[in-house]
Amino acid sequence: MTAGSGLRTLLPGRHDYAALRTSWRADLPAGVTVGVVALPLALAFGVSSGAGAQAGLVTAIVAGLVAAVLGGSHVQVSGPTGAMVVVLAPIVATHGAAAVPVVALLAGALVVAAGVLRLGRLVGMIPWPVIEGFTLGIALIIFLQQVPAAVGVPAAGHDANAAVAAFQSLGETTPRDAVWSAGVVAVVVAVMLLAPRLHRAVPGSLVAIILVTVVTGVAHLPVATIGALPAGLPAPAWPTVDLTTLAGLGGPAVTVAALAAIESLLSARVAASHTSTGPYDADRELVGQGLASVASGLFGGMPATGAIARTAVNVSSGGRTRVAAVVHALVLLVVVGSLSGVVAHVPLPALAGVLMVTAVRMVSVRGVRLVVRSTRAAAVLFTLTAVVTVSVDLVYAVGAGIVVAAALSLRAMARAAGVHREELPGPPVAGDERIALFRVEGALFFAAAERVLERVAAIDGVGVVVLRLSQVQLLDATGAQVLGELVAGLHRRGVTVLIKGLQPDHLGLARRVGVLDPLGDDQVFAHLHDAVAHARRVVALDTRPVSAAGTPAA
């Protein structure tokens, strides 16, 4: 593949809309449905992050449109997400809401670079228990972040940790504020849980928000509302930021970029496995999502990712091409242009209720049960990732999970490696007691080589050692070096070493490390029968007396 053809695979083309002629009748209503579902979530995520409801709407519109056109999935719906809120809230608390567009630009550029460098498939290296663990951790944080609004306390001024902030807000609320705010949350939760039972197509979150907005407005209930919103999108502009603040946002931008890449690719992968729209292009998806965050930042919005919940709604509603996601963004644009005055009266506790239900629905009880029951190592990974996500940081949690998973995998590989002494094939022959046949299997690598081969090195009373290496699946430099030391050590003791079945892809490494240096060409075999026959000839010709140590005397 040339550089030019490789670049073209990251760009949109006519093939993106090959199915539009037959699918547009399903794409249009699917897009409207997703737009209706996305409206309360965009408002809620914007408010919960600290960037404001307007930032949430801008992200859903601008980033949703750009990612739909440029991304690598035909059905992915992008915008603000709960996971991103978890990362952005501490950034807003430290640097202010004005830092969010800057982070969107920086993180977007990093995600684009990851796509251009073809790093998209690396997300497949994240173990399943880690994914389940950080999903549970995100859900817990999102739920806890809503507690201040649910009891009528402003979110600002609390600890950066969501759990600590939730307890702080409980101590600051008054009975009057708590009753009215919690009442609004209870109504929203009840409507969202009951609406699907009436009809699957009923958008429970939107119905709940309309209901409590009307009731609180008519009854003049003492609950906080979103407040005034501009009628339309702001003009694009580069955010102003000083160098000191910009330097301080470098680390958070890397965290946001990592999260955006992980969540977007996971969402696209799930969508591809549940639809017949064809596979997704992981690298193009990164480029599209990165550019979507850049565009969102220019309009004053938040970093964007693929949204698993909205993508699932799109698929279940019949969306099959990018037109559905485009329509979703246009629906939200119409709402901003014509209904911003109405949206301003939405109670903040209502948005908290929406996100509390969303957080609970993020967690698959069946998935948690399966991962905990699968293996002890998987349960440890799941628990570790969830705990670190809630107590420290999401990206640290994923990183720690991957490191621990790698350590556990290495441990399992090392334990699977082994060496076994076997009987010589065929009828016994005089002198067979002076031949030791060892079968080495598994991975002969840095974590296992010395432990596996020390048993061979300790052998006594033999004149010939035959090493069967055909079942060695992995041989790294350390394993080859230890094997070379074993061969050289036995050779110095006067023991003839024969090697059988050294795999072709291991042969080059063995030669470079010097494993075969003490051996002649007649000491390396492809077949066990030939190796054993040669060993018996060596023993028959060896007239040296046996030493006290049991090996032939020099």
Protein backbone atom coordinates (compact mmCIF):
# COMPACT_ATOMS: atom_id res chain seq x y z
CA MET A 1 0.00 0.00 0.00
CA THR A 2 1.40 3.40 -1.02
CA ALA A 3 1.23 6.47 1.20
CA GLY A 4 -1.37 8.02 -1.10
CA SER A 5 -3.63 4.98 -1.15
CA GLY A 6 -3.24 4.60 2.61
CA LEU A 7 -4.32 8.19 3.14
CA ARG A 8 -7.34 7.75 0.87
CA THR A 9 -8.65 4.97 3.10
CA LEU A 10 -8.95 7.54 5.90
CA LEU A 11 -11.13 9.88 3.82
CA PRO A 12 -14.86 9.72 2.98
CA GLY A 13 -16.00 8.45 -0.40
CA ARG A 14 -19.08 7.52 -2.42
CA HIS A 15 -18.95 3.99 -1.02
CA ASP A 16 -20.02 5.39 2.36
CA TYR A 17 -23.51 5.87 0.96
CA ALA A 18 -23.77 2.82 -1.28
CA ALA A 19 -26.85 1.55 0.58
CA LEU A 20 -28.59 4.94 0.82
CA ARG A 21 -30.87 4.34 -2.16
CA THR A 22 -32.71 1.62 -0.26
CA SER A 23 -32.02 2.60 3.36
CA TRP A 24 -32.97 6.29 3.48
CA ARG A 25 -36.56 5.49 4.48
CA ALA A 26 -35.20 3.87 7.63
CA ASP A 27 -32.28 6.27 8.13
CA LEU A 28 -34.44 9.40 8.40
CA PRO A 29 -36.77 8.23 11.21
CA ALA A 30 -33.84 6.57 12.96
CA GLY A 31 -31.96 9.89 12.94
CA VAL A 32 -34.99 11.72 14.38
CA THR A 33 -35.34 9.09 17.10
CA VAL A 34 -31.69 9.35 18.06
CA GLY A 35 -31.94 13.16 18.09
CA VAL A 36 -34.86 13.00 20.52
CA VAL A 37 -32.94 10.60 22.77
CA ALA A 38 -29.73 12.65 22.50
CA LEU A 39 -31.28 16.00 23.50
CA PRO A 40 -31.66 15.39 27.24
CA LEU A 41 -28.33 13.52 27.36
CA ALA A 42 -26.48 16.37 25.64
CA LEU A 43 -27.94 18.86 28.10
CA ALA A 44 -27.21 16.61 31.07
CA PHE A 45 -23.65 15.78 30.09
CA GLY A 46 -22.86 19.43 29.42
CA VAL A 47 -24.16 20.54 32.80
CA SER A 48 -22.58 17.62 34.68
CA SER A 49 -19.14 18.29 33.18
CA GLY A 50 -19.24 21.91 34.33
CA ALA A 51 -18.93 23.24 30.78
CA GLY A 52 -22.64 24.08 30.60
CA ALA A 53 -25.71 22.89 28.70
CA GLN A 54 -24.73 24.91 25.63
CA ALA A 55 -21.39 23.07 25.38
CA GLY A 56 -23.22 19.74 25.49
CA LEU A 57 -25.56 20.76 22.67
CA VAL A 58 -22.74 22.19 20.56
CA THR A 59 -20.78 18.96 20.95
CA ALA A 60 -23.72 16.80 19.96
CA ILE A 61 -24.41 18.93 16.87
CA VAL A 62 -20.96 19.81 15.56
CA ALA A 63 -19.03 16.73 16.60
CA GLY A 64 -21.98 14.48 15.78
CA LEU A 65 -22.09 15.85 12.22
CA VAL A 66 -18.32 15.77 11.58
CA ALA A 67 -17.86 12.26 13.00
CA ALA A 68 -20.82 10.95 11.01
CA VAL A 69 -19.27 12.11 7.74
CA LEU A 70 -15.59 11.43 8.45
CA GLY A 71 -15.63 8.50 10.89
CA GLY A 72 -14.98 4.86 10.15
CA SER A 73 -18.38 3.46 11.17
CA HIS A 74 -21.58 3.67 9.13
CA VAL A 75 -23.86 3.73 12.19
CA GLN A 76 -21.81 5.36 14.95
CA VAL A 77 -23.45 8.33 16.70
CA SER A 78 -21.03 10.69 18.44
CA GLY A 79 -21.26 13.47 20.98
CA PRO A 80 -20.76 14.12 24.69
CA THR A 81 -20.69 10.97 26.83
CA GLY A 82 -20.71 10.03 30.47
CA ALA A 83 -17.16 8.74 30.38
CA MET A 84 -15.94 12.06 29.00
CA VAL A 85 -17.84 13.92 31.71
CA VAL A 86 -15.96 11.90 34.32
CA VAL A 87 -12.64 13.15 32.93
CA LEU A 88 -13.72 16.72 32.17
CA ALA A 89 -15.25 17.55 35.55
CA PRO A 90 -11.86 17.68 37.38
CA ILE A 91 -10.37 19.71 34.50
CA VAL A 92 -13.16 22.27 34.80
CA ALA A 93 -12.74 22.36 38.58
CA THR A 94 -9.00 23.07 38.20
CA HIS A 95 -8.77 25.24 35.10
CA GLY A 96 -12.31 26.55 34.56
CA ALA A 97 -14.87 25.93 31.83
CA ALA A 98 -12.84 27.99 29.33
CA ALA A 99 -10.24 25.20 29.29
CA VAL A 100 -12.67 22.64 27.83
CA PRO A 101 -12.49 23.86 24.17
CA VAL A 102 -8.69 23.98 24.43
CA VAL A 103 -8.61 20.39 25.67
CA ALA A 104 -10.95 19.43 22.84
CA LEU A 105 -8.53 20.88 20.27
CA LEU A 106 -5.43 19.29 21.81
CA ALA A 107 -7.03 15.89 22.39
CA GLY A 108 -8.61 15.91 18.94
CA ALA A 109 -5.25 16.51 17.30
CA LEU A 110 -3.75 13.59 19.26
CA VAL A 111 -6.57 11.26 18.21
CA VAL A 112 -6.14 12.27 14.56
CA ALA A 113 -2.43 11.53 14.82
CA ALA A 114 -3.20 8.10 16.31
CA GLY A 115 -5.42 7.34 13.33
CA VAL A 116 -2.85 8.49 10.78
CA LEU A 117 -0.23 6.32 12.52
CA ARG A 118 -2.57 3.32 12.22
CA LEU A 119 -2.93 2.72 15.96
CA GLY A 120 -6.63 1.92 15.80
CA ARG A 121 -6.32 -1.83 16.31
CA LEU A 122 -4.48 -1.40 19.61
CA VAL A 123 -7.83 -1.06 21.40
CA GLY A 124 -8.29 -4.77 20.77
CA MET A 125 -5.51 -5.35 23.31
CA ILE A 126 -7.72 -4.16 26.16
CA PRO A 127 -8.91 -7.26 28.05
CA TRP A 128 -12.62 -7.89 28.54
CA PRO A 129 -12.47 -7.70 32.39
CA VAL A 130 -10.79 -4.29 32.12
CA ILE A 131 -13.55 -3.01 29.82
CA GLU A 132 -16.26 -4.26 32.19
CA GLY A 133 -14.42 -2.83 35.19
CA PHE A 134 -13.95 0.66 33.83
CA THR A 135 -17.57 0.68 32.59
CA LEU A 136 -18.75 -0.06 36.12
CA GLY A 137 -16.39 2.58 37.51
CA ILE A 138 -17.65 5.21 35.04
CA ALA A 139 -21.25 4.39 35.89
CA LEU A 140 -20.56 4.80 39.62
CA ILE A 141 -18.86 8.15 39.09
CA ILE A 142 -21.65 9.46 36.84
CA PHE A 143 -24.24 8.47 39.45
CA LEU A 144 -22.28 10.07 42.29
CA GLN A 145 -21.73 13.26 40.28
CA GLN A 146 -25.51 13.77 40.17
CA VAL A 147 -26.01 13.66 43.93
CA PRO A 148 -25.43 17.43 44.50
CA ALA A 149 -28.07 18.41 41.92
CA ALA A 150 -30.39 15.69 43.22
CA VAL A 151 -30.39 17.26 46.70
CA GLY A 152 -30.46 20.88 45.53
CA VAL A 153 -26.81 21.81 46.13
CA PRO A 154 -24.61 23.57 43.52
CA ALA A 155 -21.97 21.23 42.13
CA ALA A 156 -19.13 23.74 42.45
CA GLY A 157 -16.92 23.95 45.51
CA HIS A 158 -16.67 20.27 46.30
CA ASP A 159 -13.86 17.74 46.26
CA ALA A 160 -12.70 16.51 42.85
CA ASN A 161 -13.48 12.92 43.83
CA ALA A 162 -17.13 12.19 43.00
CA ALA A 163 -17.71 9.99 46.07
CA VAL A 164 -16.33 12.61 48.46
CA ALA A 165 -18.28 15.39 46.71
CA ALA A 166 -21.50 13.39 47.02
CA PHE A 167 -21.07 13.06 50.79
CA GLN A 168 -20.15 16.73 51.10
CA SER A 169 -23.32 17.79 49.28
CA LEU A 170 -25.47 15.63 51.55
CA GLY A 171 -24.12 17.56 54.52
CA GLU A 172 -24.75 20.95 52.88
CA THR A 173 -28.35 20.54 51.70
CA THR A 174 -31.42 21.80 53.54
CA PRO A 175 -34.60 19.74 54.00
CA ARG A 176 -36.55 22.09 51.73
CA ASP A 177 -34.06 21.94 48.85
CA ALA A 178 -33.56 18.21 49.23
CA VAL A 179 -37.28 17.40 49.17
CA TRP A 180 -38.10 19.39 46.03
CA SER A 181 -34.99 18.36 44.09
CA ALA A 182 -35.20 14.71 45.07
CA GLY A 183 -38.90 14.77 44.18
CA VAL A 184 -38.07 15.94 40.65
CA VAL A 185 -35.44 13.20 40.35
CA ALA A 186 -37.93 10.59 41.55
CA VAL A 187 -40.51 11.63 38.95
CA VAL A 188 -37.92 11.52 36.15
CA VAL A 189 -36.68 8.09 37.22
CA ALA A 190 -40.25 6.74 37.45
CA VAL A 191 -41.21 8.03 34.00
CA MET A 192 -38.03 6.68 32.41
CA LEU A 193 -38.62 3.24 33.92
CA LEU A 194 -42.34 3.11 33.09
CA ALA A 195 -42.33 4.64 29.60
CA PRO A 196 -40.77 1.63 27.81
CA ARG A 197 -43.45 -0.60 29.33
CA LEU A 198 -46.13 1.47 27.63
CA HIS A 199 -44.38 1.40 24.24
CA ARG A 200 -40.79 0.79 23.21
CA ALA A 201 -40.79 3.88 20.99
CA VAL A 202 -41.66 6.29 23.81
CA PRO A 203 -38.56 8.41 24.64
CA GLY A 204 -38.80 8.19 28.40
CA SER A 205 -36.09 10.74 29.18
CA LEU A 206 -37.61 13.42 26.94
CA VAL A 207 -41.15 12.78 28.24
CA ALA A 208 -39.88 13.00 31.81
CA ILE A 209 -38.06 16.27 31.22
CA ILE A 210 -41.07 17.86 29.49
CA LEU A 211 -43.35 16.75 32.32
CA VAL A 212 -41.25 18.07 35.21
CA THR A 213 -40.40 21.28 33.29
CA VAL A 214 -44.10 22.04 32.85
CA VAL A 215 -44.99 21.14 36.45
CA THR A 216 -42.14 23.08 38.06
CA GLY A 217 -42.82 26.09 35.83
CA VAL A 218 -46.56 26.19 36.48
CA ALA A 219 -46.19 25.54 40.21
CA HIS A 220 -43.12 27.81 40.54
CA LEU A 221 -41.26 25.15 42.48
CA PRO A 222 -37.94 26.21 44.05
CA VAL A 223 -35.55 24.19 41.92
CA ALA A 224 -32.56 25.36 39.87
CA THR A 225 -32.91 25.45 36.07
CA ILE A 226 -30.49 25.41 33.14
CA GLY A 227 -30.80 29.13 32.46
CA ALA A 228 -30.65 31.18 29.28
CA LEU A 229 -29.17 29.61 26.15
CA PRO A 230 -28.22 31.36 22.89
CA ALA A 231 -30.59 30.79 19.96
CA GLY A 232 -28.21 29.03 17.60
CA LEU A 233 -24.62 27.94 17.39
CA PRO A 234 -21.84 30.33 18.37
CA ALA A 235 -19.41 31.48 15.69
CA PRO A 236 -16.27 29.30 15.43
CA ALA A 237 -13.18 30.85 17.01
CA TRP A 238 -9.81 29.83 18.41
CA PRO A 239 -10.04 29.72 22.20
CA THR A 240 -7.78 32.17 24.00
CA VAL A 241 -5.38 30.61 26.48
CA ASP A 242 -2.09 31.67 28.04
CA LEU A 243 1.04 29.52 27.79
CA THR A 244 1.00 28.56 31.46
CA THR A 245 -2.53 27.20 31.24
CA LEU A 246 -1.75 25.52 27.92
CA ALA A 247 1.21 23.69 29.47
CA GLY A 248 -0.98 22.57 32.36
CA LEU A 249 -3.54 21.13 29.96
CA GLY A 250 -1.07 18.83 28.20
CA GLY A 251 -1.53 15.93 30.60
CA PRO A 252 -5.34 16.21 30.72
CA ALA A 253 -5.42 16.36 26.91
CA VAL A 254 -3.54 13.05 26.68
CA THR A 255 -6.02 11.50 29.12
CA VAL A 256 -8.99 12.81 27.13
CA ALA A 257 -7.47 11.61 23.85
CA ALA A 258 -6.90 8.12 25.23
CA LEU A 259 -10.46 7.96 26.51
CA ALA A 260 -11.91 9.29 23.25
CA ALA A 261 -10.03 6.69 21.23
CA ILE A 262 -10.91 3.79 23.53
CA GLU A 263 -14.60 4.60 23.90
CA SER A 264 -15.13 5.41 20.22
CA LEU A 265 -13.50 2.22 19.00
CA LEU A 266 -15.30 0.06 21.55
CA SER A 267 -18.61 1.58 20.50
CA ALA A 268 -17.85 1.10 16.80
CA ARG A 269 -16.79 -2.50 17.42
CA VAL A 270 -20.00 -3.29 19.31
CA ALA A 271 -22.10 -1.66 16.59
CA ALA A 272 -20.33 -3.61 13.84
CA SER A 273 -21.01 -6.88 15.64
CA HIS A 274 -24.75 -6.15 15.82
CA THR A 275 -25.46 -4.86 12.30
CA SER A 276 -25.14 -5.96 8.70
CA THR A 277 -23.67 -2.65 7.56
CA GLY A 278 -20.18 -4.07 7.21
CA PRO A 279 -17.04 -3.72 9.32
CA TYR A 280 -15.72 -0.43 10.64
CA ASP A 281 -12.34 1.10 9.86
CA ALA A 282 -10.62 1.65 13.21
CA ASP A 283 -7.99 4.09 11.92
CA ARG A 284 -10.50 6.18 9.97
CA GLU A 285 -12.73 6.20 13.04
CA LEU A 286 -9.90 7.77 15.05
CA VAL A 287 -9.32 10.40 12.39
CA GLY A 288 -13.03 11.21 12.22
CA GLN A 289 -13.47 11.37 15.99
CA GLY A 290 -10.34 13.50 16.36
CA LEU A 291 -11.54 16.00 13.76
CA ALA A 292 -14.95 15.99 15.43
CA SER A 293 -13.38 17.06 18.73
CA VAL A 294 -11.34 19.74 16.96
CA ALA A 295 -14.46 21.12 15.30
CA SER A 296 -16.35 20.99 18.60
CA GLY A 297 -13.56 22.91 20.33
CA LEU A 298 -13.66 25.64 17.67
CA PHE A 299 -17.36 26.16 18.42
CA GLY A 300 -16.78 26.18 22.18
CA GLY A 301 -17.83 22.57 22.74
CA MET A 302 -16.43 19.54 24.52
CA PRO A 303 -14.30 16.62 23.31
CA ALA A 304 -16.48 14.01 21.64
CA THR A 305 -16.51 10.24 21.47
CA GLY A 306 -18.66 7.57 19.93
CA ALA A 307 -21.70 7.09 22.17
CA ILE A 308 -22.57 3.45 22.78
CA ALA A 309 -26.13 4.12 23.98
CA ARG A 310 -27.07 6.47 21.12
CA THR A 311 -25.40 4.20 18.57
CA ALA A 312 -27.45 1.30 19.91
CA VAL A 313 -30.65 3.36 19.55
CA ASN A 314 -29.66 4.19 15.97
CA VAL A 315 -29.11 0.53 15.10
CA SER A 316 -32.30 -0.66 16.79
CA SER A 317 -34.27 2.09 15.03
CA GLY A 318 -33.13 0.92 11.61
CA GLY A 319 -30.23 3.26 10.87
CA ARG A 320 -27.94 1.77 8.23
CA THR A 321 -25.91 4.64 6.77
CA ARG A 322 -24.25 7.82 7.99
CA VAL A 323 -27.36 9.79 7.05
CA ALA A 324 -29.04 8.72 10.30
CA ALA A 325 -26.29 10.27 12.44
CA VAL A 326 -26.33 13.40 10.26
CA VAL A 327 -30.11 13.74 10.74
CA HIS A 328 -29.63 13.35 14.50
CA ALA A 329 -27.30 16.37 14.49
CA LEU A 330 -29.69 18.41 12.34
CA VAL A 331 -32.60 17.65 14.69
CA LEU A 332 -30.59 19.01 17.61
CA LEU A 333 -29.66 22.07 15.55
CA VAL A 334 -33.35 22.80 14.96
CA VAL A 335 -34.00 22.49 18.70
CA VAL A 336 -31.21 24.95 19.52
CA GLY A 337 -32.46 27.42 16.90
CA SER A 338 -36.14 27.34 17.79
CA LEU A 339 -36.59 26.03 21.33
CA SER A 340 -33.67 27.45 23.31
CA GLY A 341 -36.05 29.60 25.36
CA VAL A 342 -37.99 26.51 26.44
CA VAL A 343 -34.88 24.49 27.16
CA ALA A 344 -33.69 27.21 29.55
CA HIS A 345 -36.48 26.26 32.00
CA VAL A 346 -35.47 22.59 32.31
CA PRO A 347 -34.76 21.84 36.00
CA LEU A 348 -31.23 20.72 36.79
CA PRO A 349 -32.47 17.90 39.08
CA ALA A 350 -34.33 16.51 36.04
CA LEU A 351 -31.05 16.18 34.17
CA ALA A 352 -29.53 14.55 37.24
CA GLY A 353 -32.31 11.98 37.20
CA VAL A 354 -31.71 11.24 33.53
CA LEU A 355 -28.03 10.61 34.15
CA MET A 356 -28.68 8.48 37.23
CA VAL A 357 -30.86 6.15 35.17
CA THR A 358 -28.33 6.25 32.33
CA ALA A 359 -25.54 5.29 34.75
CA VAL A 360 -27.49 2.31 36.05
CA ARG A 361 -28.30 1.16 32.53
CA MET A 362 -24.62 1.33 31.54
CA VAL A 363 -23.84 -1.65 33.74
CA SER A 364 -24.69 -5.07 32.38
CA VAL A 365 -25.50 -7.27 35.36
CA ARG A 366 -25.07 -10.32 33.16
CA GLY A 367 -21.68 -9.08 31.96
CA VAL A 368 -20.49 -8.46 35.51
CA ARG A 369 -21.69 -11.89 36.61
CA LEU A 370 -19.97 -13.59 33.70
CA VAL A 371 -16.61 -11.88 34.20
CA VAL A 372 -16.60 -12.49 37.97
CA ARG A 373 -17.46 -16.15 37.51
CA SER A 374 -15.07 -16.80 34.63
CA THR A 375 -11.68 -16.98 36.38
CA ARG A 376 -10.09 -15.65 39.54
CA ALA A 377 -7.68 -13.54 37.46
CA ALA A 378 -10.58 -11.98 35.53
CA ALA A 379 -12.39 -11.15 38.76
CA VAL A 380 -9.24 -9.50 40.14
CA LEU A 381 -8.79 -7.46 36.95
CA PHE A 382 -12.43 -6.37 36.96
CA THR A 383 -12.38 -5.31 40.61
CA LEU A 384 -9.02 -3.53 40.33
CA THR A 385 -10.09 -1.53 37.27
CA ALA A 386 -13.40 -0.49 38.83
CA VAL A 387 -11.80 0.58 42.12
CA VAL A 388 -8.98 2.56 40.46
CA THR A 389 -11.48 4.23 38.12
CA VAL A 390 -13.56 5.53 41.02
CA SER A 391 -10.70 6.36 43.38
CA VAL A 392 -7.96 7.61 41.03
CA ASP A 393 -8.48 8.10 37.31
CA LEU A 394 -10.08 6.35 34.36
CA VAL A 395 -7.00 6.17 32.12
CA TYR A 396 -4.81 5.08 35.03
CA ALA A 397 -7.37 2.35 35.67
CA VAL A 398 -7.19 1.08 32.10
CA GLY A 399 -3.40 1.25 32.16
CA ALA A 400 -3.20 -0.58 35.48
CA GLY A 401 -5.64 -3.18 34.22
CA ILE A 402 -3.59 -3.84 31.09
CA VAL A 403 -0.34 -4.09 33.09
CA VAL A 404 -1.85 -6.51 35.59
CA ALA A 405 -3.45 -8.51 32.78
CA ALA A 406 -0.08 -8.78 31.06
CA ALA A 407 1.58 -9.90 34.30
CA LEU A 408 -1.11 -12.53 34.89
CA SER A 409 -0.80 -13.75 31.30
CA LEU A 410 2.98 -14.05 31.62
CA ARG A 411 2.53 -15.96 34.86
CA ALA A 412 0.10 -18.34 33.18
CA MET A 413 2.45 -18.83 30.22
CA ALA A 414 5.38 -19.49 32.55
CA ARG A 415 3.39 -22.04 34.53
CA ALA A 416 2.30 -23.77 31.30
CA ALA A 417 5.92 -24.18 30.19
CA GLY A 418 7.59 -27.36 31.34
CA VAL A 419 10.12 -30.11 30.76
CA HIS A 420 9.34 -33.82 31.00
CA ARG A 421 11.68 -36.80 30.85
CA GLU A 422 10.34 -39.48 28.53
CA GLU A 423 11.05 -43.11 27.80
CA LEU A 424 12.98 -43.80 24.61
CA PRO A 425 10.75 -45.03 21.81
CA GLY A 426 10.90 -48.66 20.63
CA PRO A 427 12.24 -51.76 22.36
CA PRO A 428 14.88 -51.06 25.05
CA VAL A 429 18.53 -51.42 24.04
CA ALA A 430 21.58 -51.90 26.21
CA GLY A 431 22.94 -48.49 27.17
CA ASP A 432 19.55 -46.72 27.10
CA GLU A 433 20.00 -45.91 30.79
CA ARG A 434 22.78 -43.51 29.74
CA ILE A 435 20.44 -41.56 27.43
CA ALA A 436 18.04 -38.92 28.78
CA LEU A 437 15.20 -37.79 26.52
CA PHE A 438 13.54 -34.52 27.56
CA ARG A 439 10.43 -32.98 25.99
CA VAL A 440 10.37 -29.19 26.41
CA GLU A 441 6.98 -27.54 25.80
CA GLY A 442 5.21 -24.22 26.07
CA ALA A 443 6.90 -20.83 26.06
CA LEU A 444 10.64 -20.74 26.64
CA PHE A 445 10.91 -17.05 27.50
CA PHE A 446 12.40 -14.78 30.13
CA ALA A 447 9.85 -15.64 32.80
CA ALA A 448 10.17 -19.41 32.47
CA ALA A 449 13.39 -20.47 30.71
CA GLU A 450 15.69 -20.86 33.70
CA ARG A 451 13.10 -22.65 35.82
CA VAL A 452 12.25 -25.05 33.00
CA LEU A 453 15.80 -25.94 31.96
CA GLU A 454 17.42 -26.21 35.40
CA ARG A 455 16.04 -29.75 35.67
CA VAL A 456 17.93 -30.75 32.54
CA ALA A 457 21.12 -29.11 33.79
CA ALA A 458 20.96 -31.16 37.01
CA ILE A 459 20.86 -34.53 35.22
CA ASP A 460 23.54 -37.09 36.24
CA GLY A 461 24.56 -40.55 35.13
CA VAL A 462 23.98 -40.05 31.41
CA GLY A 463 26.23 -39.64 28.41
CA VAL A 464 23.67 -38.24 25.97
CA VAL A 465 20.83 -35.73 26.42
CA VAL A 466 18.20 -35.45 23.69
CA LEU A 467 16.15 -32.23 23.78
CA ARG A 468 12.79 -32.40 22.01
CA LEU A 469 11.97 -28.76 21.16
CA SER A 470 9.20 -29.23 18.60
CA GLN A 471 6.53 -28.24 21.13
CA VAL A 472 8.18 -24.97 22.14
CA GLN A 473 5.72 -22.35 20.84
CA LEU A 474 7.68 -19.28 21.91
CA LEU A 475 11.42 -18.72 22.19
CA ASP A 476 12.69 -15.26 23.09
CA ALA A 477 16.25 -13.97 23.44
CA THR A 478 16.45 -14.86 27.15
CA GLY A 479 15.12 -18.35 26.53
CA ALA A 480 17.64 -18.88 23.73
CA GLN A 481 20.47 -17.58 25.92
CA VAL A 482 19.54 -19.93 28.79
CA LEU A 483 19.24 -22.81 26.31
CA GLY A 484 22.70 -21.96 24.96
CA GLU A 485 24.19 -21.96 28.47
CA LEU A 486 22.57 -25.35 29.11
CA VAL A 487 24.02 -26.87 25.93
CA ALA A 488 27.47 -25.39 26.62
CA GLY A 489 27.43 -26.57 30.24
CA LEU A 490 26.51 -30.14 29.33
CA HIS A 491 29.13 -30.11 26.58
CA ARG A 492 31.83 -29.09 29.08
CA ARG A 493 30.83 -31.99 31.31
CA GLY A 494 31.34 -34.38 28.42
CA VAL A 495 27.65 -34.98 27.80
CA THR A 496 26.62 -35.18 24.16
CA VAL A 497 23.62 -32.95 23.42
CA LEU A 498 21.26 -33.71 20.56
CA ILE A 499 18.53 -31.28 19.54
CA LYS A 500 15.39 -32.47 17.82
CA GLY A 501 12.58 -30.43 16.28
CA LEU A 502 13.93 -26.88 16.61
CA GLN A 503 11.29 -24.90 14.73
CA PRO A 504 12.41 -22.95 11.63
CA ASP A 505 11.30 -19.59 13.08
CA HIS A 506 13.43 -20.29 16.18
CA LEU A 507 16.48 -21.52 14.28
CA GLY A 508 17.80 -18.07 13.34
CA LEU A 509 17.62 -16.82 16.93
CA ALA A 510 19.30 -19.99 18.21
CA ARG A 511 22.20 -19.53 15.76
CA ARG A 512 22.62 -15.83 16.60
CA VAL A 513 22.71 -16.46 20.35
CA GLY A 514 25.16 -19.36 19.97
CA VAL A 515 22.95 -22.25 21.04
CA LEU A 516 24.30 -24.44 18.24
CA ASP A 517 27.97 -23.41 18.52
CA PRO A 518 29.09 -26.44 20.62
CA LEU A 519 27.15 -28.82 18.35
CA GLY A 520 28.03 -30.39 15.06
CA ASP A 521 25.70 -30.63 12.09
CA ASP A 522 25.05 -34.26 13.03
CA GLN A 523 23.63 -33.24 16.42
CA VAL A 524 20.53 -31.41 15.15
CA PHE A 525 17.63 -33.56 13.94
CA ALA A 526 14.18 -33.15 12.46
CA HIS A 527 12.86 -36.56 13.54
CA LEU A 528 12.93 -38.23 16.93
CA HIS A 529 13.74 -41.68 15.49
CA ASP A 530 16.94 -40.35 13.93
CA ALA A 531 17.97 -38.52 17.11
CA VAL A 532 17.49 -41.61 19.31
CA ALA A 533 19.35 -43.85 16.84
CA HIS A 534 22.28 -41.43 16.88
CA ALA A 535 22.22 -41.28 20.70
CA ARG A 536 22.43 -45.06 20.90
CA ARG A 537 25.39 -45.11 18.53
CA VAL A 538 27.17 -42.50 20.67
CA VAL A 539 26.60 -44.54 23.83
CA ALA A 540 27.73 -47.75 22.13
CA LEU A 541 30.99 -46.13 21.02
CA ASP A 542 31.64 -44.39 24.36
CA THR A 543 34.07 -46.55 26.33
CA ARG A 544 34.95 -43.93 28.93
CA PRO A 545 34.44 -44.92 32.57
CA VAL A 546 31.64 -43.27 34.46
CA SER A 547 32.79 -40.66 37.00
CA ALA A 548 31.68 -40.41 40.58
CA ALA A 549 29.21 -37.79 39.54
CA GLY A 550 27.63 -40.26 37.16
CA THR A 551 28.83 -38.63 33.96
CA PRO A 552 31.48 -39.97 31.60
CA ALA A 553 34.98 -39.15 32.81
CA ALA A 554 37.09 -36.96 30.58
